[in-house]
Amino acid sequence: MYSRRCLLALMAGSLFAADLRPGVTLRGKLIVREGKPATLETADHHAVTLEGDDTTSKLLGDSRLSGFEVEARGRFLAPGRFQIDPSHTHSLMVRKDGHLKLITYWCDICSIRAYTPGPCVCCQRETTLDLIDPDKQ
């Protein structure tokens, strides 16, 4: 009997610890400035600071993405502060030519695709930004 109560208490505590709020999709223009957190300018001209996991943070630091219209799925941590969902859920996408595109990077020499900016893992040359359809990954 005692162990059942402990189990129920543990389960109830985990429910309260879980974030059960539904996520939202934030749309706007991505602004990347060196040395500053990336922001998203909404249609009504509000600036929202974006945060994310390690992979997403690397994307948010890529100046080549500055000026693109983006869609980010996640949650508001506070007014003006938005946490993007984990990168494996493709929670940050770029809108190009009216379609959502997955942000990837490509090495023409080695034919290697990466999901963060930086040098190719093989030849160490800088990869190029390559926006692709999400279903073609």
N, C-alpha and C. Protein backbone atom coordinates (compact mmCIF):
# COMPACT_ATOMS: atom_id res chain seq x y z
N MET A 1 0.82 -1.19 0.00
CA MET A 1 0.00 0.00 0.00
C MET A 1 0.88 1.26 0.00
N TYR A 2 1.92 1.26 0.81
CA TYR A 2 2.82 2.40 0.91
C TYR A 2 3.52 2.65 -0.44
N SER A 3 3.93 1.56 -1.11
CA SER A 3 4.63 1.72 -2.39
C SER A 3 3.70 2.27 -3.46
N ARG A 4 2.41 1.94 -3.42
CA ARG A 4 1.45 2.50 -4.38
C ARG A 4 1.32 4.01 -4.20
N ARG A 5 1.26 4.44 -2.97
CA ARG A 5 1.15 5.89 -2.69
C ARG A 5 2.40 6.61 -3.18
N CYS A 6 3.55 6.01 -2.95
CA CYS A 6 4.80 6.63 -3.42
C CYS A 6 4.81 6.72 -4.94
N LEU A 7 4.36 5.66 -5.60
CA LEU A 7 4.32 5.65 -7.06
C LEU A 7 3.35 6.71 -7.57
N LEU A 8 2.19 6.81 -6.97
CA LEU A 8 1.21 7.82 -7.38
C LEU A 8 1.76 9.23 -7.15
N ALA A 9 2.42 9.44 -6.04
CA ALA A 9 3.00 10.75 -5.75
C ALA A 9 4.09 11.09 -6.77
N LEU A 10 4.89 10.12 -7.14
CA LEU A 10 5.94 10.33 -8.14
C LEU A 10 5.35 10.66 -9.50
N MET A 11 4.29 9.95 -9.90
CA MET A 11 3.64 10.21 -11.18
C MET A 11 3.00 11.60 -11.19
N ALA A 12 2.35 11.97 -10.11
CA ALA A 12 1.72 13.29 -10.03
C ALA A 12 2.77 14.39 -10.09
N GLY A 13 3.89 14.19 -9.44
CA GLY A 13 4.97 15.18 -9.47
C GLY A 13 5.55 15.35 -10.85
N SER A 14 5.67 14.25 -11.60
CA SER A 14 6.22 14.36 -12.94
C SER A 14 5.26 15.09 -13.88
N LEU A 15 3.96 14.96 -13.66
CA LEU A 15 3.00 15.70 -14.47
C LEU A 15 3.14 17.20 -14.26
N PHE A 16 3.36 17.60 -13.02
CA PHE A 16 3.52 19.02 -12.75
C PHE A 16 4.84 19.55 -13.30
N ALA A 17 5.84 18.71 -13.36
CA ALA A 17 7.15 19.14 -13.86
C ALA A 17 7.17 19.24 -15.38
N ALA A 18 6.32 18.47 -16.06
CA ALA A 18 6.30 18.49 -17.53
C ALA A 18 5.66 19.78 -18.03
N ASP A 19 6.17 20.26 -19.15
CA ASP A 19 5.61 21.45 -19.77
C ASP A 19 4.48 21.01 -20.69
N LEU A 20 3.26 21.18 -20.24
CA LEU A 20 2.10 20.71 -21.00
C LEU A 20 1.47 21.81 -21.85
N ARG A 21 2.08 22.98 -21.87
CA ARG A 21 1.54 24.06 -22.68
C ARG A 21 1.74 23.73 -24.16
N PRO A 22 0.74 24.00 -24.99
CA PRO A 22 0.91 23.72 -26.42
C PRO A 22 1.92 24.69 -27.03
N GLY A 23 2.66 24.21 -28.02
CA GLY A 23 3.62 25.06 -28.70
C GLY A 23 2.91 26.01 -29.65
N VAL A 24 3.62 27.02 -30.07
CA VAL A 24 3.09 27.99 -31.02
C VAL A 24 4.07 28.12 -32.18
N THR A 25 3.58 28.65 -33.29
CA THR A 25 4.44 28.93 -34.43
C THR A 25 4.58 30.44 -34.54
N LEU A 26 5.81 30.88 -34.56
CA LEU A 26 6.13 32.30 -34.65
C LEU A 26 6.68 32.56 -36.06
N ARG A 27 6.14 33.58 -36.72
CA ARG A 27 6.56 33.91 -38.08
C ARG A 27 7.10 35.33 -38.12
N GLY A 28 8.10 35.54 -38.95
CA GLY A 28 8.64 36.88 -39.11
C GLY A 28 9.98 36.86 -39.80
N LYS A 29 10.61 38.02 -39.81
CA LYS A 29 11.90 38.21 -40.46
C LYS A 29 13.03 37.98 -39.46
N LEU A 30 13.96 37.10 -39.82
CA LEU A 30 15.09 36.79 -38.95
C LEU A 30 16.15 37.88 -39.08
N ILE A 31 16.62 38.35 -37.94
CA ILE A 31 17.68 39.36 -37.91
C ILE A 31 18.85 38.78 -37.12
N VAL A 32 19.99 38.64 -37.81
CA VAL A 32 21.20 38.09 -37.20
C VAL A 32 22.25 39.19 -37.19
N ARG A 33 22.72 39.52 -36.00
CA ARG A 33 23.79 40.52 -35.84
C ARG A 33 24.91 39.88 -35.05
N GLU A 34 26.13 40.06 -35.52
CA GLU A 34 27.28 39.46 -34.86
C GLU A 34 27.39 39.93 -33.41
N GLY A 35 27.57 38.98 -32.52
CA GLY A 35 27.75 39.29 -31.10
C GLY A 35 26.46 39.56 -30.34
N LYS A 36 25.32 39.47 -31.02
CA LYS A 36 24.03 39.71 -30.36
C LYS A 36 23.12 38.51 -30.61
N PRO A 37 22.17 38.28 -29.70
CA PRO A 37 21.22 37.18 -29.94
C PRO A 37 20.37 37.45 -31.19
N ALA A 38 20.04 36.39 -31.89
CA ALA A 38 19.18 36.52 -33.07
C ALA A 38 17.79 36.95 -32.63
N THR A 39 17.18 37.77 -33.45
CA THR A 39 15.81 38.21 -33.16
C THR A 39 14.94 37.96 -34.37
N LEU A 40 13.66 37.90 -34.11
CA LEU A 40 12.68 37.76 -35.15
C LEU A 40 11.78 38.99 -35.10
N GLU A 41 11.63 39.66 -36.23
CA GLU A 41 10.75 40.81 -36.30
C GLU A 41 9.40 40.34 -36.82
N THR A 42 8.37 40.44 -35.99
CA THR A 42 7.04 39.98 -36.36
C THR A 42 6.40 40.96 -37.33
N ALA A 43 5.26 40.56 -37.90
CA ALA A 43 4.55 41.40 -38.86
C ALA A 43 4.13 42.73 -38.24
N ASP A 44 3.88 42.74 -36.92
CA ASP A 44 3.50 43.99 -36.26
C ASP A 44 4.72 44.71 -35.67
N HIS A 45 5.91 44.36 -36.17
CA HIS A 45 7.18 45.03 -35.86
C HIS A 45 7.63 44.89 -34.40
N HIS A 46 7.26 43.79 -33.75
CA HIS A 46 7.80 43.49 -32.43
C HIS A 46 9.04 42.63 -32.60
N ALA A 47 10.05 42.89 -31.80
CA ALA A 47 11.28 42.09 -31.83
C ALA A 47 11.20 41.02 -30.76
N VAL A 48 11.46 39.78 -31.16
CA VAL A 48 11.43 38.64 -30.24
C VAL A 48 12.80 37.98 -30.28
N THR A 49 13.45 37.84 -29.13
CA THR A 49 14.74 37.17 -29.04
C THR A 49 14.52 35.67 -29.13
N LEU A 50 15.33 35.01 -29.98
CA LEU A 50 15.19 33.57 -30.20
C LEU A 50 16.29 32.80 -29.48
N GLU A 51 15.90 31.66 -28.92
CA GLU A 51 16.84 30.76 -28.25
C GLU A 51 16.55 29.35 -28.74
N GLY A 52 17.54 28.46 -28.60
CA GLY A 52 17.34 27.08 -29.00
C GLY A 52 18.46 26.19 -28.53
N ASP A 53 18.38 24.92 -28.93
CA ASP A 53 19.43 23.97 -28.57
C ASP A 53 20.71 24.32 -29.32
N ASP A 54 21.74 23.53 -29.15
CA ASP A 54 23.05 23.84 -29.74
C ASP A 54 22.99 23.97 -31.26
N THR A 55 22.32 23.03 -31.92
CA THR A 55 22.20 23.08 -33.38
C THR A 55 21.45 24.33 -33.82
N THR A 56 20.34 24.61 -33.18
CA THR A 56 19.54 25.79 -33.52
C THR A 56 20.32 27.07 -33.26
N SER A 57 21.07 27.11 -32.18
CA SER A 57 21.88 28.30 -31.87
C SER A 57 22.91 28.57 -32.96
N LYS A 58 23.47 27.51 -33.52
CA LYS A 58 24.43 27.69 -34.63
C LYS A 58 23.73 28.26 -35.86
N LEU A 59 22.50 27.80 -36.13
CA LEU A 59 21.74 28.35 -37.24
C LEU A 59 21.43 29.82 -37.00
N LEU A 60 21.04 30.14 -35.77
CA LEU A 60 20.69 31.52 -35.43
C LEU A 60 21.89 32.46 -35.48
N GLY A 61 23.08 31.91 -35.51
CA GLY A 61 24.29 32.73 -35.61
C GLY A 61 24.80 32.89 -37.02
N ASP A 62 24.14 32.26 -37.99
CA ASP A 62 24.58 32.32 -39.39
C ASP A 62 24.03 33.57 -40.07
N SER A 63 24.90 34.52 -40.37
CA SER A 63 24.47 35.79 -40.97
C SER A 63 23.84 35.60 -42.35
N ARG A 64 24.11 34.47 -43.01
CA ARG A 64 23.51 34.22 -44.33
C ARG A 64 21.99 34.08 -44.24
N LEU A 65 21.48 33.77 -43.05
CA LEU A 65 20.03 33.61 -42.87
C LEU A 65 19.34 34.92 -42.51
N SER A 66 20.11 35.94 -42.22
CA SER A 66 19.54 37.23 -41.84
C SER A 66 18.71 37.80 -42.99
N GLY A 67 17.51 38.25 -42.67
CA GLY A 67 16.62 38.82 -43.67
C GLY A 67 15.61 37.85 -44.22
N PHE A 68 15.80 36.56 -44.01
CA PHE A 68 14.84 35.57 -44.47
C PHE A 68 13.59 35.59 -43.60
N GLU A 69 12.46 35.30 -44.22
CA GLU A 69 11.23 35.05 -43.48
C GLU A 69 11.34 33.63 -42.94
N VAL A 70 11.08 33.47 -41.65
CA VAL A 70 11.20 32.16 -41.02
C VAL A 70 9.94 31.80 -40.25
N GLU A 71 9.81 30.52 -39.97
CA GLU A 71 8.79 30.00 -39.07
C GLU A 71 9.52 29.21 -38.01
N ALA A 72 9.21 29.54 -36.75
CA ALA A 72 9.84 28.85 -35.63
C ALA A 72 8.74 28.30 -34.73
N ARG A 73 8.84 27.01 -34.41
CA ARG A 73 7.90 26.39 -33.48
C ARG A 73 8.54 26.29 -32.11
N GLY A 74 7.79 26.63 -31.10
CA GLY A 74 8.31 26.55 -29.74
C GLY A 74 7.37 27.20 -28.75
N ARG A 75 7.96 27.83 -27.73
CA ARG A 75 7.18 28.43 -26.63
C ARG A 75 7.80 29.75 -26.20
N PHE A 76 6.95 30.63 -25.76
CA PHE A 76 7.43 31.87 -25.17
C PHE A 76 7.89 31.58 -23.75
N LEU A 77 9.10 32.00 -23.42
CA LEU A 77 9.62 31.89 -22.06
C LEU A 77 9.21 33.10 -21.25
N ALA A 78 9.07 34.21 -21.94
CA ALA A 78 8.67 35.49 -21.36
C ALA A 78 8.26 36.37 -22.53
N PRO A 79 7.60 37.48 -22.28
CA PRO A 79 7.30 38.37 -23.41
C PRO A 79 8.60 38.80 -24.10
N GLY A 80 8.65 38.61 -25.41
CA GLY A 80 9.83 39.00 -26.16
C GLY A 80 10.96 37.99 -26.14
N ARG A 81 10.72 36.80 -25.58
CA ARG A 81 11.76 35.76 -25.50
C ARG A 81 11.14 34.41 -25.87
N PHE A 82 11.66 33.77 -26.92
CA PHE A 82 11.04 32.57 -27.50
C PHE A 82 12.05 31.43 -27.55
N GLN A 83 11.66 30.27 -27.01
CA GLN A 83 12.48 29.06 -27.03
C GLN A 83 12.02 28.17 -28.18
N ILE A 84 12.89 27.95 -29.16
CA ILE A 84 12.56 27.11 -30.30
C ILE A 84 12.67 25.65 -29.89
N ASP A 85 11.72 24.83 -30.35
CA ASP A 85 11.73 23.40 -30.05
C ASP A 85 13.03 22.76 -30.54
N PRO A 86 13.35 21.55 -30.06
CA PRO A 86 14.60 20.88 -30.46
C PRO A 86 14.75 20.76 -31.97
N SER A 87 15.98 20.86 -32.43
CA SER A 87 16.26 20.91 -33.86
C SER A 87 15.85 19.65 -34.61
N HIS A 88 15.84 18.49 -33.96
CA HIS A 88 15.48 17.26 -34.66
C HIS A 88 14.02 17.25 -35.12
N THR A 89 13.21 18.20 -34.60
CA THR A 89 11.82 18.30 -35.02
C THR A 89 11.65 19.27 -36.19
N HIS A 90 12.76 19.78 -36.72
CA HIS A 90 12.75 20.76 -37.81
C HIS A 90 11.86 21.95 -37.44
N SER A 91 12.14 22.51 -36.30
CA SER A 91 11.31 23.57 -35.73
C SER A 91 11.67 24.96 -36.23
N LEU A 92 12.74 25.10 -36.99
CA LEU A 92 13.11 26.38 -37.58
C LEU A 92 13.26 26.17 -39.08
N MET A 93 12.38 26.84 -39.84
CA MET A 93 12.41 26.70 -41.29
C MET A 93 12.33 28.08 -41.94
N VAL A 94 12.86 28.15 -43.16
CA VAL A 94 12.91 29.38 -43.93
C VAL A 94 11.81 29.34 -44.99
N ARG A 95 11.20 30.48 -45.23
CA ARG A 95 10.22 30.58 -46.31
C ARG A 95 10.92 31.20 -47.52
N LYS A 96 10.93 30.45 -48.63
CA LYS A 96 11.56 30.93 -49.86
C LYS A 96 10.64 30.59 -51.03
N ASP A 97 10.38 31.58 -51.86
CA ASP A 97 9.50 31.40 -53.02
C ASP A 97 8.14 30.83 -52.61
N GLY A 98 7.66 31.26 -51.45
CA GLY A 98 6.34 30.85 -50.98
C GLY A 98 6.28 29.47 -50.35
N HIS A 99 7.43 28.79 -50.22
CA HIS A 99 7.45 27.44 -49.66
C HIS A 99 8.39 27.39 -48.46
N LEU A 100 8.05 26.54 -47.50
CA LEU A 100 8.94 26.32 -46.37
C LEU A 100 10.10 25.45 -46.80
N LYS A 101 11.29 25.83 -46.36
CA LYS A 101 12.51 25.10 -46.72
C LYS A 101 13.27 24.73 -45.47
N LEU A 102 13.89 23.57 -45.50
CA LEU A 102 14.76 23.10 -44.43
C LEU A 102 16.13 23.74 -44.61
N ILE A 103 16.72 24.18 -43.52
CA ILE A 103 18.04 24.82 -43.57
C ILE A 103 19.11 23.74 -43.50
N THR A 104 19.89 23.64 -44.57
CA THR A 104 21.00 22.69 -44.59
C THR A 104 22.21 23.38 -45.22
N TYR A 105 23.33 22.70 -45.16
CA TYR A 105 24.59 23.21 -45.72
C TYR A 105 25.20 22.09 -46.54
N TRP A 106 25.81 22.44 -47.67
CA TRP A 106 26.28 21.46 -48.63
C TRP A 106 27.73 21.72 -49.01
N CYS A 107 28.49 20.62 -49.12
CA CYS A 107 29.85 20.70 -49.63
C CYS A 107 29.84 20.13 -51.05
N ASP A 108 30.13 20.99 -52.04
CA ASP A 108 30.14 20.57 -53.45
C ASP A 108 31.27 19.59 -53.75
N ILE A 109 32.36 19.69 -53.02
CA ILE A 109 33.52 18.83 -53.28
C ILE A 109 33.27 17.40 -52.78
N CYS A 110 32.79 17.29 -51.56
CA CYS A 110 32.63 15.97 -50.93
C CYS A 110 31.21 15.42 -51.01
N SER A 111 30.26 16.23 -51.48
CA SER A 111 28.85 15.85 -51.53
C SER A 111 28.34 15.42 -50.16
N ILE A 112 28.66 16.22 -49.17
CA ILE A 112 28.23 15.96 -47.80
C ILE A 112 27.27 17.07 -47.36
N ARG A 113 26.13 16.66 -46.80
CA ARG A 113 25.15 17.60 -46.27
C ARG A 113 25.33 17.71 -44.77
N ALA A 114 25.23 18.94 -44.27
CA ALA A 114 25.31 19.19 -42.83
C ALA A 114 24.10 20.01 -42.41
N TYR A 115 23.83 20.01 -41.13
CA TYR A 115 22.67 20.73 -40.61
C TYR A 115 23.07 21.93 -39.74
N THR A 116 24.36 22.22 -39.73
CA THR A 116 24.86 23.43 -39.07
C THR A 116 25.91 24.07 -39.97
N PRO A 117 26.05 25.39 -39.89
CA PRO A 117 27.05 26.05 -40.72
C PRO A 117 28.45 25.71 -40.24
N GLY A 118 29.41 25.88 -41.14
CA GLY A 118 30.80 25.64 -40.77
C GLY A 118 31.53 24.88 -41.85
N PRO A 119 32.76 24.49 -41.55
CA PRO A 119 33.54 23.77 -42.55
C PRO A 119 33.05 22.34 -42.75
N CYS A 120 33.30 21.81 -43.92
CA CYS A 120 32.97 20.42 -44.24
C CYS A 120 33.76 19.51 -43.31
N VAL A 121 33.13 18.44 -42.87
CA VAL A 121 33.81 17.51 -41.96
C VAL A 121 34.93 16.74 -42.67
N CYS A 122 34.91 16.73 -43.99
CA CYS A 122 35.92 15.99 -44.75
C CYS A 122 37.06 16.91 -45.22
N CYS A 123 36.74 17.87 -46.10
CA CYS A 123 37.80 18.68 -46.72
C CYS A 123 38.07 20.00 -45.98
N GLN A 124 37.23 20.35 -45.03
CA GLN A 124 37.37 21.57 -44.22
C GLN A 124 37.09 22.87 -44.98
N ARG A 125 36.58 22.78 -46.20
CA ARG A 125 36.15 23.99 -46.91
C ARG A 125 34.80 24.40 -46.36
N GLU A 126 34.52 25.71 -46.42
CA GLU A 126 33.25 26.23 -45.90
C GLU A 126 32.09 25.68 -46.72
N THR A 127 31.06 25.19 -46.05
CA THR A 127 29.87 24.69 -46.73
C THR A 127 29.00 25.85 -47.18
N THR A 128 28.18 25.60 -48.19
CA THR A 128 27.28 26.63 -48.70
C THR A 128 25.88 26.38 -48.16
N LEU A 129 25.16 27.47 -47.95
CA LEU A 129 23.78 27.38 -47.50
C LEU A 129 22.97 26.71 -48.60
N ASP A 130 22.19 25.69 -48.25
CA ASP A 130 21.41 24.93 -49.22
C ASP A 130 20.02 24.69 -48.64
N LEU A 131 19.05 25.49 -49.04
CA LEU A 131 17.69 25.38 -48.55
C LEU A 131 16.97 24.32 -49.40
N ILE A 132 16.43 23.30 -48.73
CA ILE A 132 15.81 22.19 -49.46
C ILE A 132 14.38 21.97 -48.98
N ASP A 133 13.59 21.30 -49.82
CA ASP A 133 12.25 20.92 -49.42
C ASP A 133 12.34 19.91 -48.29
N PRO A 134 11.51 20.05 -47.27
CA PRO A 134 11.60 19.14 -46.11
C PRO A 134 11.42 17.67 -46.46
N ASP A 135 10.65 17.35 -47.49
CA ASP A 135 10.43 15.96 -47.84
C ASP A 135 11.54 15.37 -48.70
N LYS A 136 12.55 16.17 -49.06
CA LYS A 136 13.67 15.69 -49.88
C LYS A 136 14.92 15.44 -49.07
N GLN A 137 14.84 15.53 -47.78
CA GLN A 137 16.04 15.36 -46.97
C GLN A 137 16.48 13.96 -47.04
